[in-house]
Amino acid sequence: MRLGLPGTRRTSGPLLSQAAAHGASLEVTPWEGTAVNSTHEKQQSEEGAEGREVSVVVSGCGKEDARTVFDVLRAAFVTDRASVDVPEEVAGKRPTAWFVTVDVSEARVVSGPVRLGEPVTADVQGGYWAVDRLRQGLADAFDVRIVGTVSGDQEEEVRLRLENK
């Protein structure tokens, strides 16, 4: 028995050994392996893009401190907030929370501590590696304490307390 098409080449390895044991030869077209690997690599890179993003919700502070945290995140990583997109408070007695999505794939160093008017709570959610990288980036500017975690199979949610160094 012969597996393959015209223009194929013989290969070695466990499949060939198994085929030979049964009196068959196994051949693979050169482009078959390439196509499978390319598709697999593309899928991994698309999955990796999701694993680089962290959702951050800043609360328990005034708009100036929220802006300071967003400025540090923008200095350390790529975010979905432009520098002119400043946090605004909503009228009323309800608590205000500000949201940003951060891509942690390319980290930059924040040069030194940054001052906050009061401690800030940041709830961050994403893949384990991404959340840890975001926490390390914030630690360049603030004293960062983990005050709570919820873990899942592939993601975690962490409540951070940001304070002055």
Protein backbone atom coordinates (compact mmCIF):
# COMPACT_ATOMS: atom_id res chain seq x y z
CA MET A 1 0.00 0.00 0.00
CA ARG A 2 1.29 3.49 -0.84
CA LEU A 3 0.04 6.76 0.65
CA GLY A 4 0.76 9.99 -1.18
CA LEU A 5 0.36 11.89 -4.43
CA PRO A 6 2.60 12.58 -7.39
CA GLY A 7 5.36 15.04 -6.42
CA THR A 8 5.60 13.73 -2.88
CA ARG A 9 8.70 12.76 -0.94
CA ARG A 10 9.45 10.02 1.54
CA THR A 11 9.81 10.97 5.15
CA SER A 12 11.17 9.29 8.24
CA GLY A 13 9.85 9.02 11.75
CA PRO A 14 7.34 7.01 13.76
CA LEU A 15 4.65 7.08 11.08
CA LEU A 16 7.05 5.71 8.48
CA SER A 17 8.15 2.99 10.90
CA GLN A 18 4.53 2.01 11.57
CA ALA A 19 3.69 2.06 7.87
CA ALA A 20 6.78 -0.04 7.05
CA ALA A 21 5.82 -2.57 9.72
CA HIS A 22 2.55 -3.10 7.86
CA GLY A 23 4.23 -3.27 4.44
CA ALA A 24 3.25 0.27 3.43
CA SER A 25 5.28 3.36 2.60
CA LEU A 26 4.29 6.81 3.74
CA GLU A 27 4.94 9.90 1.67
CA VAL A 28 4.15 13.52 2.45
CA THR A 29 3.94 16.41 0.04
CA PRO A 30 6.33 19.22 0.97
CA TRP A 31 3.54 21.78 1.20
CA GLU A 32 1.29 19.65 3.38
CA GLY A 33 3.44 20.08 6.49
CA THR A 34 3.94 23.76 5.79
CA ALA A 35 0.25 24.49 5.45
CA VAL A 36 -0.60 22.69 8.69
CA ASN A 37 2.17 24.44 10.60
CA SER A 38 1.29 27.86 9.19
CA THR A 39 -2.33 27.45 10.17
CA HIS A 40 -1.32 26.29 13.65
CA GLU A 41 1.12 29.22 14.08
CA LYS A 42 -1.51 31.71 12.91
CA GLN A 43 -4.01 30.28 15.39
CA GLN A 44 -1.46 30.48 18.21
CA SER A 45 -0.62 34.10 17.38
CA GLU A 46 -4.31 35.05 17.33
CA GLU A 47 -4.82 33.34 20.69
CA GLY A 48 -1.72 35.10 21.98
CA ALA A 49 -3.17 38.51 21.13
CA GLU A 50 -6.06 37.83 23.49
CA GLY A 51 -3.64 36.70 26.20
CA ARG A 52 -1.80 40.04 26.08
CA GLU A 53 -4.78 42.23 26.95
CA VAL A 54 -5.75 43.17 30.47
CA SER A 55 -8.94 44.99 31.46
CA VAL A 56 -8.40 47.54 34.20
CA VAL A 57 -11.12 49.22 36.27
CA VAL A 58 -9.93 52.06 38.50
CA SER A 59 -12.18 53.10 41.38
CA GLY A 60 -12.13 54.40 44.94
CA CYS A 61 -10.42 57.65 43.97
CA GLY A 62 -10.92 61.04 42.37
CA LYS A 63 -10.54 61.76 38.67
CA GLU A 64 -7.03 63.21 39.15
CA ASP A 65 -5.73 59.97 40.65
CA ALA A 66 -7.51 57.93 37.97
CA ARG A 67 -5.77 60.05 35.35
CA THR A 68 -2.41 59.51 37.08
CA VAL A 69 -2.91 55.73 36.96
CA PHE A 70 -3.94 55.88 33.29
CA ASP A 71 -0.92 58.06 32.49
CA VAL A 72 1.37 55.47 34.10
CA LEU A 73 -0.35 52.63 32.21
CA ARG A 74 0.00 54.56 28.94
CA ALA A 75 3.69 55.23 29.68
CA ALA A 76 4.35 51.56 30.49
CA PHE A 77 2.17 49.86 27.83
CA VAL A 78 -0.15 50.44 24.90
CA THR A 79 -3.71 51.29 26.00
CA ASP A 80 -6.99 52.04 24.29
CA ARG A 81 -7.18 55.51 25.87
CA ALA A 82 -5.62 58.53 24.21
CA SER A 83 -3.79 61.06 26.40
CA VAL A 84 -6.58 63.58 25.76
CA ASP A 85 -9.19 61.06 26.97
CA VAL A 86 -9.22 62.14 30.63
CA PRO A 87 -11.43 60.63 33.32
CA GLU A 88 -14.50 62.67 34.23
CA GLU A 89 -16.66 62.31 37.30
CA VAL A 90 -20.37 61.64 36.93
CA ALA A 91 -22.79 63.79 38.92
CA GLY A 92 -24.55 62.07 41.78
CA LYS A 93 -23.65 60.02 44.82
CA ARG A 94 -22.90 56.79 42.99
CA PRO A 95 -19.31 55.55 42.94
CA THR A 96 -17.39 56.21 39.74
CA ALA A 97 -15.20 53.65 38.01
CA TRP A 98 -12.96 54.22 34.98
CA PHE A 99 -12.10 51.49 32.47
CA VAL A 100 -9.09 50.93 30.20
CA THR A 101 -7.81 47.99 28.14
CA VAL A 102 -4.04 47.50 28.21
CA ASP A 103 -1.87 45.49 25.81
CA VAL A 104 1.11 44.31 27.88
CA SER A 105 3.05 42.68 25.04
CA GLU A 106 5.59 45.52 24.88
CA ALA A 107 6.51 46.89 28.29
CA ARG A 108 8.36 50.17 28.78
CA VAL A 109 10.00 51.29 31.99
CA VAL A 110 8.31 54.02 33.99
CA SER A 111 11.00 56.26 35.41
CA GLY A 112 10.45 56.51 39.12
CA PRO A 113 7.60 56.85 41.56
CA VAL A 114 4.47 58.86 40.78
CA ARG A 115 2.39 60.62 43.44
CA LEU A 116 -1.24 59.82 44.15
CA GLY A 117 -3.53 62.02 46.25
CA GLU A 118 -5.00 58.91 47.91
CA PRO A 119 -4.75 55.13 47.55
CA VAL A 120 -6.40 53.74 44.41
CA THR A 121 -8.15 50.41 43.84
CA ALA A 122 -7.57 48.75 40.46
CA ASP A 123 -9.43 45.60 39.44
CA VAL A 124 -7.48 43.88 36.66
CA GLN A 125 -8.60 40.91 34.61
CA GLY A 126 -6.73 38.88 32.01
CA GLY A 127 -4.42 35.93 31.48
CA TYR A 128 -2.05 35.04 34.30
CA TRP A 129 1.09 36.20 32.46
CA ALA A 130 -0.53 39.44 31.31
CA VAL A 131 -1.90 40.36 34.74
CA ASP A 132 1.49 39.73 36.34
CA ARG A 133 3.25 41.83 33.71
CA LEU A 134 0.79 44.70 34.25
CA ARG A 135 1.33 44.48 38.02
CA GLN A 136 5.11 44.66 37.51
CA GLY A 137 4.70 47.70 35.25
CA LEU A 138 2.62 49.49 37.88
CA ALA A 139 5.21 48.61 40.55
CA ASP A 140 7.72 50.90 38.81
CA ALA A 141 5.55 53.88 39.81
CA PHE A 142 3.51 52.77 42.83
CA ASP A 143 3.59 50.53 45.86
CA VAL A 144 1.34 47.71 44.60
CA ARG A 145 -0.41 45.30 46.96
CA ILE A 146 -2.59 42.38 45.92
CA VAL A 147 -5.70 42.51 48.12
CA GLY A 148 -7.79 39.83 46.42
CA THR A 149 -7.79 37.30 43.58
CA VAL A 150 -10.26 35.15 41.70
CA SER A 151 -8.65 32.49 39.53
CA GLY A 152 -10.04 30.68 36.52
CA ASP A 153 -8.67 28.16 34.05
CA GLN A 154 -6.98 30.69 31.79
CA GLU A 155 -7.67 34.06 33.39
CA GLU A 156 -7.58 35.70 36.74
CA GLU A 157 -9.07 38.79 38.30
CA VAL A 158 -6.89 40.60 40.80
CA ARG A 159 -7.75 43.56 43.01
CA LEU A 160 -4.71 45.79 43.46
CA ARG A 161 -4.19 48.59 45.94
CA LEU A 162 -1.96 51.33 44.52
CA GLU A 163 -0.26 53.67 46.96
CA ASN A 164 2.66 56.10 46.95
CA LYS A 165 6.12 54.58 47.26
